[in-house]
Amino acid sequence: MNAFTKQEIVTIAAPKFERAQFEIVGTAPLVMAAFSEKARQKMREKHEAGSTAKSKKEREARDFAADCEAALHRLEDGTIGFPASAWRAAMIDACRLVGFKMTMAKMSVFVEADGLDLVSGQPLVRIIGDYEQHVAATRNQTGVTDLRSRPMFRRWSATLRVRWDGDQFRVGDVSNLLARAGMQIGVGEGRPFSRESYGLGWGTFEVVS
């Protein structure tokens, strides 16, 4: 053996990630609420104006159709998508139902994107389906009631490409975790496991293949 040769004992196994594709179908309407570029620009202008910004401004006429369009997530090719992180978060939340550590799931389960949001650059999964304008009353953080116009997909589907740590999950585990996420957590506005309310029963889905 060469005097400079050194033997090492490796105790940490190399990452073993696996992938699978799941077809899901909505079992309730999916409602989006993307943060629009117009709202983003207004917020930036207010911050840039600083203390010189007017405290009171004239109320602009509302264009509910434009508000609905602005609330959509669009991929760079113009098709409609939904944040890949939403399904990942739903699967992580579902871990509490089966006694699996959510912190472990955060490092173990990922949903691959079909592209990026045209405005925010957020990774999106493409949504198949047609939407309609849905206007509903909502309460702002200040307690004032307002009307919000959002796109609602009554019938929708998507193809999810999920990647996971093979040392933590098997494909059957991932499939069942996604199924629980669809039935008990949901995605989008008004989902059952909303942080801000009991939900409206929207955003649920089932795994069909």
C-alpha atoms as a PDB file:
ATOM      1  CA  MET A   1       0.000   0.000   0.000  1.00  0.00           C
ATOM      2  CA  ASN A   2       1.289   3.464  -0.863  1.00  0.00           C
ATOM      3  CA  ALA A   3       2.269   5.530   2.168  1.00  0.00           C
ATOM      4  CA  PHE A   4      -0.070   8.271   1.007  1.00  0.00           C
ATOM      5  CA  THR A   5      -3.078   5.982   0.454  1.00  0.00           C
ATOM      6  CA  LYS A   6      -5.847   6.547   2.950  1.00  0.00           C
ATOM      7  CA  GLN A   7      -8.815   4.318   3.567  1.00  0.00           C
ATOM      8  CA  GLU A   8     -12.217   5.802   4.451  1.00  0.00           C
ATOM      9  CA  ILE A   9     -15.257   4.146   5.931  1.00  0.00           C
ATOM     10  CA  VAL A  10     -18.496   5.640   4.562  1.00  0.00           C
ATOM     11  CA  THR A  11     -21.445   5.407   6.953  1.00  0.00           C
ATOM     12  CA  ILE A  12     -23.915   7.757   5.184  1.00  0.00           C
ATOM     13  CA  ALA A  13     -25.788   6.141   2.310  1.00  0.00           C
ATOM     14  CA  ALA A  14     -26.032   8.016  -0.987  1.00  0.00           C
ATOM     15  CA  PRO A  15     -29.409   9.688  -1.735  1.00  0.00           C
ATOM     16  CA  LYS A  16     -31.878   7.275  -3.312  1.00  0.00           C
ATOM     17  CA  PHE A  17     -34.656   9.303  -4.883  1.00  0.00           C
ATOM     18  CA  GLU A  18     -37.562   7.784  -6.774  1.00  0.00           C
ATOM     19  CA  ARG A  19     -40.194   9.318  -9.068  1.00  0.00           C
ATOM     20  CA  ALA A  20     -43.759   8.548 -10.102  1.00  0.00           C
ATOM     21  CA  GLN A  21     -46.501  10.281 -12.058  1.00  0.00           C
ATOM     22  CA  PHE A  22     -49.982  10.606 -10.589  1.00  0.00           C
ATOM     23  CA  GLU A  23     -53.144  11.646 -12.423  1.00  0.00           C
ATOM     24  CA  ILE A  24     -55.510  13.570 -10.161  1.00  0.00           C
ATOM     25  CA  VAL A  25     -59.064  14.819 -10.737  1.00  0.00           C
ATOM     26  CA  GLY A  26     -60.814  17.497  -8.722  1.00  0.00           C
ATOM     27  CA  THR A  27     -63.747  16.379  -6.589  1.00  0.00           C
ATOM     28  CA  ALA A  28     -64.684  20.003  -5.769  1.00  0.00           C
ATOM     29  CA  PRO A  29     -64.076  23.389  -7.428  1.00  0.00           C
ATOM     30  CA  LEU A  30     -60.538  24.780  -7.466  1.00  0.00           C
ATOM     31  CA  VAL A  31     -60.324  28.527  -6.772  1.00  0.00           C
ATOM     32  CA  MET A  32     -57.144  30.520  -7.423  1.00  0.00           C
ATOM     33  CA  ALA A  33     -55.960  33.764  -5.861  1.00  0.00           C
ATOM     34  CA  ALA A  34     -52.615  34.693  -7.390  1.00  0.00           C
ATOM     35  CA  PHE A  35     -51.109  37.986  -6.212  1.00  0.00           C
ATOM     36  CA  SER A  36     -51.542  40.147  -9.298  1.00  0.00           C
ATOM     37  CA  GLU A  37     -48.835  42.218 -10.944  1.00  0.00           C
ATOM     38  CA  LYS A  38     -51.059  45.299 -10.553  1.00  0.00           C
ATOM     39  CA  ALA A  39     -51.295  44.798  -6.794  1.00  0.00           C
ATOM     40  CA  ARG A  40     -47.566  44.119  -6.612  1.00  0.00           C
ATOM     41  CA  GLN A  41     -46.814  47.345  -8.488  1.00  0.00           C
ATOM     42  CA  LYS A  42     -49.154  49.400  -6.286  1.00  0.00           C
ATOM     43  CA  MET A  43     -47.498  48.029  -3.159  1.00  0.00           C
ATOM     44  CA  ARG A  44     -44.049  48.840  -4.538  1.00  0.00           C
ATOM     45  CA  GLU A  45     -45.078  52.395  -5.420  1.00  0.00           C
ATOM     46  CA  LYS A  46     -46.431  52.882  -1.894  1.00  0.00           C
ATOM     47  CA  HIS A  47     -43.184  51.665  -0.335  1.00  0.00           C
ATOM     48  CA  GLU A  48     -41.091  53.799  -2.674  1.00  0.00           C
ATOM     49  CA  ALA A  49     -43.198  56.885  -1.885  1.00  0.00           C
ATOM     50  CA  GLY A  50     -42.572  56.373   1.829  1.00  0.00           C
ATOM     51  CA  SER A  51     -43.965  59.052   4.138  1.00  0.00           C
ATOM     52  CA  THR A  52     -45.037  61.171   1.164  1.00  0.00           C
ATOM     53  CA  ALA A  53     -47.675  58.628   0.128  1.00  0.00           C
ATOM     54  CA  LYS A  54     -51.237  59.865   0.443  1.00  0.00           C
ATOM     55  CA  SER A  55     -53.219  58.271   3.246  1.00  0.00           C
ATOM     56  CA  LYS A  56     -56.452  58.628   1.325  1.00  0.00           C
ATOM     57  CA  LYS A  57     -56.885  58.093  -2.388  1.00  0.00           C
ATOM     58  CA  GLU A  58     -59.853  58.148  -4.687  1.00  0.00           C
ATOM     59  CA  ARG A  59     -61.435  54.719  -5.076  1.00  0.00           C
ATOM     60  CA  GLU A  60     -60.900  53.291  -8.540  1.00  0.00           C
ATOM     61  CA  ALA A  61     -63.776  51.651 -10.398  1.00  0.00           C
ATOM     62  CA  ARG A  62     -63.571  47.886  -9.980  1.00  0.00           C
ATOM     63  CA  ASP A  63     -63.162  45.696 -13.044  1.00  0.00           C
ATOM     64  CA  PHE A  64     -64.218  42.287 -11.717  1.00  0.00           C
ATOM     65  CA  ALA A  65     -63.377  40.513 -14.967  1.00  0.00           C
ATOM     66  CA  ALA A  66     -59.855  41.945 -14.896  1.00  0.00           C
ATOM     67  CA  ASP A  67     -59.493  40.997 -11.222  1.00  0.00           C
ATOM     68  CA  CYS A  68     -60.477  37.427 -12.064  1.00  0.00           C
ATOM     69  CA  GLU A  69     -57.948  37.220 -14.890  1.00  0.00           C
ATOM     70  CA  ALA A  70     -55.211  38.717 -12.704  1.00  0.00           C
ATOM     71  CA  ALA A  71     -55.813  36.049 -10.038  1.00  0.00           C
ATOM     72  CA  LEU A  72     -54.782  33.282 -12.448  1.00  0.00           C
ATOM     73  CA  HIS A  73     -51.374  31.645 -12.393  1.00  0.00           C
ATOM     74  CA  ARG A  74     -50.077  31.444 -15.971  1.00  0.00           C
ATOM     75  CA  LEU A  75     -47.060  29.571 -17.227  1.00  0.00           C
ATOM     76  CA  GLU A  76     -44.651  31.164 -19.657  1.00  0.00           C
ATOM     77  CA  ASP A  77     -46.432  29.453 -22.576  1.00  0.00           C
ATOM     78  CA  GLY A  78     -49.739  31.073 -21.578  1.00  0.00           C
ATOM     79  CA  THR A  79     -51.395  27.947 -20.160  1.00  0.00           C
ATOM     80  CA  ILE A  80     -52.840  27.961 -16.645  1.00  0.00           C
ATOM     81  CA  GLY A  81     -51.045  26.390 -13.714  1.00  0.00           C
ATOM     82  CA  PHE A  82     -51.167  26.114  -9.955  1.00  0.00           C
ATOM     83  CA  PRO A  83     -48.236  26.314  -7.493  1.00  0.00           C
ATOM     84  CA  ALA A  84     -46.377  23.015  -7.216  1.00  0.00           C
ATOM     85  CA  SER A  85     -45.725  23.931  -3.589  1.00  0.00           C
ATOM     86  CA  ALA A  86     -49.473  23.680  -2.835  1.00  0.00           C
ATOM     87  CA  TRP A  87     -49.556  19.924  -3.413  1.00  0.00           C
ATOM     88  CA  ARG A  88     -46.270  19.443  -1.597  1.00  0.00           C
ATOM     89  CA  ALA A  89     -47.609  21.407   1.382  1.00  0.00           C
ATOM     90  CA  ALA A  90     -50.816  19.347   1.350  1.00  0.00           C
ATOM     91  CA  MET A  91     -48.839  16.107   1.460  1.00  0.00           C
ATOM     92  CA  ILE A  92     -46.675  17.410   4.285  1.00  0.00           C
ATOM     93  CA  ASP A  93     -49.781  18.497   6.223  1.00  0.00           C
ATOM     94  CA  ALA A  94     -51.307  15.045   5.685  1.00  0.00           C
ATOM     95  CA  CYS A  95     -48.357  13.485   7.525  1.00  0.00           C
ATOM     96  CA  ARG A  96     -49.883  14.568  10.828  1.00  0.00           C
ATOM     97  CA  LEU A  97     -52.788  12.203  10.085  1.00  0.00           C
ATOM     98  CA  VAL A  98     -50.533   9.153   9.938  1.00  0.00           C
ATOM     99  CA  GLY A  99     -48.003  10.003  12.628  1.00  0.00           C
ATOM    100  CA  PHE A 100     -45.119  10.761  10.246  1.00  0.00           C
ATOM    101  CA  LYS A 101     -42.843  13.657  11.178  1.00  0.00           C
ATOM    102  CA  MET A 102     -43.643  16.690   9.029  1.00  0.00           C
ATOM    103  CA  THR A 103     -40.058  17.909   9.306  1.00  0.00           C
ATOM    104  CA  MET A 104     -38.898  14.657   7.703  1.00  0.00           C
ATOM    105  CA  ALA A 105     -41.475  14.982   4.922  1.00  0.00           C
ATOM    106  CA  LYS A 106     -40.234  18.497   4.142  1.00  0.00           C
ATOM    107  CA  MET A 107     -36.888  16.963   3.217  1.00  0.00           C
ATOM    108  CA  SER A 108     -38.314  13.892   1.514  1.00  0.00           C
ATOM    109  CA  VAL A 109     -41.244  14.766  -0.784  1.00  0.00           C
ATOM    110  CA  PHE A 110     -41.189  17.146  -3.758  1.00  0.00           C
ATOM    111  CA  VAL A 111     -43.552  17.973  -6.635  1.00  0.00           C
ATOM    112  CA  GLU A 112     -41.853  18.768  -9.934  1.00  0.00           C
ATOM    113  CA  ALA A 113     -43.089  21.771 -11.922  1.00  0.00           C
ATOM    114  CA  ASP A 114     -44.234  22.019 -15.540  1.00  0.00           C
ATOM    115  CA  GLY A 115     -42.895  25.563 -15.758  1.00  0.00           C
ATOM    116  CA  LEU A 116     -42.652  28.926 -14.014  1.00  0.00           C
ATOM    117  CA  ASP A 117     -45.261  31.584 -13.303  1.00  0.00           C
ATOM    118  CA  LEU A 118     -45.054  34.291 -15.963  1.00  0.00           C
ATOM    119  CA  VAL A 119     -45.211  37.052 -13.308  1.00  0.00           C
ATOM    120  CA  SER A 120     -43.701  35.716 -10.086  1.00  0.00           C
ATOM    121  CA  GLY A 121     -41.441  32.940 -11.381  1.00  0.00           C
ATOM    122  CA  GLN A 122     -43.125  30.502  -8.982  1.00  0.00           C
ATOM    123  CA  PRO A 123     -42.953  26.813 -10.068  1.00  0.00           C
ATOM    124  CA  LEU A 124     -46.338  25.682 -11.407  1.00  0.00           C
ATOM    125  CA  VAL A 125     -48.132  22.462 -12.328  1.00  0.00           C
ATOM    126  CA  ARG A 126     -50.391  22.774 -15.377  1.00  0.00           C
ATOM    127  CA  ILE A 127     -54.151  22.662 -14.740  1.00  0.00           C
ATOM    128  CA  ILE A 128     -56.557  21.149 -17.272  1.00  0.00           C
ATOM    129  CA  GLY A 129     -60.049  22.651 -17.257  1.00  0.00           C
ATOM    130  CA  ASP A 130     -62.099  25.766 -17.924  1.00  0.00           C
ATOM    131  CA  TYR A 131     -62.717  28.480 -15.370  1.00  0.00           C
ATOM    132  CA  GLU A 132     -65.508  30.922 -14.641  1.00  0.00           C
ATOM    133  CA  GLN A 133     -65.600  34.188 -12.743  1.00  0.00           C
ATOM    134  CA  HIS A 134     -66.646  33.725  -9.120  1.00  0.00           C
ATOM    135  CA  VAL A 135     -67.453  36.794  -7.028  1.00  0.00           C
ATOM    136  CA  ALA A 136     -67.865  36.303  -3.294  1.00  0.00           C
ATOM    137  CA  ALA A 137     -67.977  38.450  -0.168  1.00  0.00           C
ATOM    138  CA  THR A 138     -64.928  38.216   2.044  1.00  0.00           C
ATOM    139  CA  ARG A 139     -63.651  39.978   5.137  1.00  0.00           C
ATOM    140  CA  ASN A 140     -60.349  41.851   5.012  1.00  0.00           C
ATOM    141  CA  GLN A 141     -57.838  41.780   7.862  1.00  0.00           C
ATOM    142  CA  THR A 142     -59.241  45.132   8.998  1.00  0.00           C
ATOM    143  CA  GLY A 143     -62.651  43.503   9.412  1.00  0.00           C
ATOM    144  CA  VAL A 144     -64.195  45.339   6.449  1.00  0.00           C
ATOM    145  CA  THR A 145     -66.331  43.241   4.108  1.00  0.00           C
ATOM    146  CA  ASP A 146     -65.259  43.343   0.470  1.00  0.00           C
ATOM    147  CA  LEU A 147     -66.046  41.574  -2.807  1.00  0.00           C
ATOM    148  CA  ARG A 148     -63.386  39.416  -4.444  1.00  0.00           C
ATOM    149  CA  SER A 149     -63.441  38.128  -8.006  1.00  0.00           C
ATOM    150  CA  ARG A 150     -61.587  34.852  -8.462  1.00  0.00           C
ATOM    151  CA  PRO A 151     -61.297  32.172 -11.169  1.00  0.00           C
ATOM    152  CA  MET A 152     -63.153  28.978 -10.268  1.00  0.00           C
ATOM    153  CA  PHE A 153     -62.550  25.649 -12.018  1.00  0.00           C
ATOM    154  CA  ARG A 154     -65.595  23.472 -11.397  1.00  0.00           C
ATOM    155  CA  ARG A 155     -64.074  20.523 -13.266  1.00  0.00           C
ATOM    156  CA  TRP A 156     -60.310  20.216 -13.338  1.00  0.00           C
ATOM    157  CA  SER A 157     -57.454  17.742 -13.435  1.00  0.00           C
ATOM    158  CA  ALA A 158     -53.668  17.716 -13.307  1.00  0.00           C
ATOM    159  CA  THR A 159     -50.669  15.427 -13.703  1.00  0.00           C
ATOM    160  CA  LEU A 160     -48.334  15.454 -10.726  1.00  0.00           C
ATOM    161  CA  ARG A 161     -44.741  14.276 -11.005  1.00  0.00           C
ATOM    162  CA  VAL A 162     -43.661  13.470  -7.468  1.00  0.00           C
ATOM    163  CA  ARG A 163     -40.075  12.842  -6.362  1.00  0.00           C
ATOM    164  CA  TRP A 164     -39.311  11.353  -2.955  1.00  0.00           C
ATOM    165  CA  ASP A 165     -36.569   9.913  -0.776  1.00  0.00           C
ATOM    166  CA  GLY A 166     -36.697   6.159  -1.252  1.00  0.00           C
ATOM    167  CA  ASP A 167     -35.236   5.599   2.216  1.00  0.00           C
ATOM    168  CA  GLN A 168     -38.240   7.369   3.762  1.00  0.00           C
ATOM    169  CA  PHE A 169     -41.162   6.360   1.550  1.00  0.00           C
ATOM    170  CA  ARG A 170     -42.273   3.659  -0.862  1.00  0.00           C
ATOM    171  CA  VAL A 171     -44.417   4.399  -3.879  1.00  0.00           C
ATOM    172  CA  GLY A 172     -47.510   3.079  -2.090  1.00  0.00           C
ATOM    173  CA  ASP A 173     -46.828   5.418   0.838  1.00  0.00           C
ATOM    174  CA  VAL A 174     -46.601   8.418  -1.494  1.00  0.00           C
ATOM    175  CA  SER A 175     -49.775   7.428  -3.327  1.00  0.00           C
ATOM    176  CA  ASN A 176     -51.712   7.067  -0.076  1.00  0.00           C
ATOM    177  CA  LEU A 177     -50.285  10.308   1.313  1.00  0.00           C
ATOM    178  CA  LEU A 178     -51.380  12.150  -1.837  1.00  0.00           C
ATOM    179  CA  ALA A 179     -54.837  10.548  -1.595  1.00  0.00           C
ATOM    180  CA  ARG A 180     -55.182  11.748   1.997  1.00  0.00           C
ATOM    181  CA  ALA A 181     -54.020  15.209   0.970  1.00  0.00           C
ATOM    182  CA  GLY A 182     -56.750  15.282  -1.666  1.00  0.00           C
ATOM    183  CA  MET A 183     -59.543  14.086   0.598  1.00  0.00           C
ATOM    184  CA  GLN A 184     -58.648  15.822   3.872  1.00  0.00           C
ATOM    185  CA  ILE A 185     -56.357  18.794   3.160  1.00  0.00           C
ATOM    186  CA  GLY A 186     -57.079  20.195  -0.315  1.00  0.00           C
ATOM    187  CA  VAL A 187     -55.415  23.021  -2.257  1.00  0.00           C
ATOM    188  CA  GLY A 188     -56.343  26.585  -3.158  1.00  0.00           C
ATOM    189  CA  GLU A 189     -58.912  28.942  -1.669  1.00  0.00           C
ATOM    190  CA  GLY A 190     -61.588  27.522   0.639  1.00  0.00           C
ATOM    191  CA  ARG A 191     -59.786  24.193   1.096  1.00  0.00           C
ATOM    192  CA  PRO A 192     -60.808  22.029   4.076  1.00  0.00           C
ATOM    193  CA  PHE A 193     -57.521  22.501   5.947  1.00  0.00           C
ATOM    194  CA  SER A 194     -57.355  26.274   5.520  1.00  0.00           C
ATOM    195  CA  ARG A 195     -55.218  28.088   8.083  1.00  0.00           C
ATOM    196  CA  GLU A 196     -57.749  30.932   8.291  1.00  0.00           C
ATOM    197  CA  SER A 197     -61.103  29.123   8.400  1.00  0.00           C
ATOM    198  CA  TYR A 198     -62.855  25.760   8.287  1.00  0.00           C
ATOM    199  CA  GLY A 199     -62.867  26.023   4.506  1.00  0.00           C
ATOM    200  CA  LEU A 200     -65.662  25.909   1.967  1.00  0.00           C
ATOM    201  CA  GLY A 201     -65.140  22.377   0.754  1.00  0.00           C
ATOM    202  CA  TRP A 202     -63.191  23.538  -2.295  1.00  0.00           C
ATOM    203  CA  GLY A 203     -59.894  22.242  -3.653  1.00  0.00           C
ATOM    204  CA  THR A 204     -60.311  18.534  -2.911  1.00  0.00           C
ATOM    205  CA  PHE A 205     -59.201  15.879  -5.383  1.00  0.00           C
ATOM    206  CA  GLU A 206     -58.666  12.159  -5.870  1.00  0.00           C
ATOM    207  CA  VAL A 207     -55.864  10.081  -7.328  1.00  0.00           C
ATOM    208  CA  VAL A 208     -57.189   8.185 -10.351  1.00  0.00           C
ATOM    209  CA  SER A 209     -53.982   6.538 -11.613  1.00  0.00           C
END
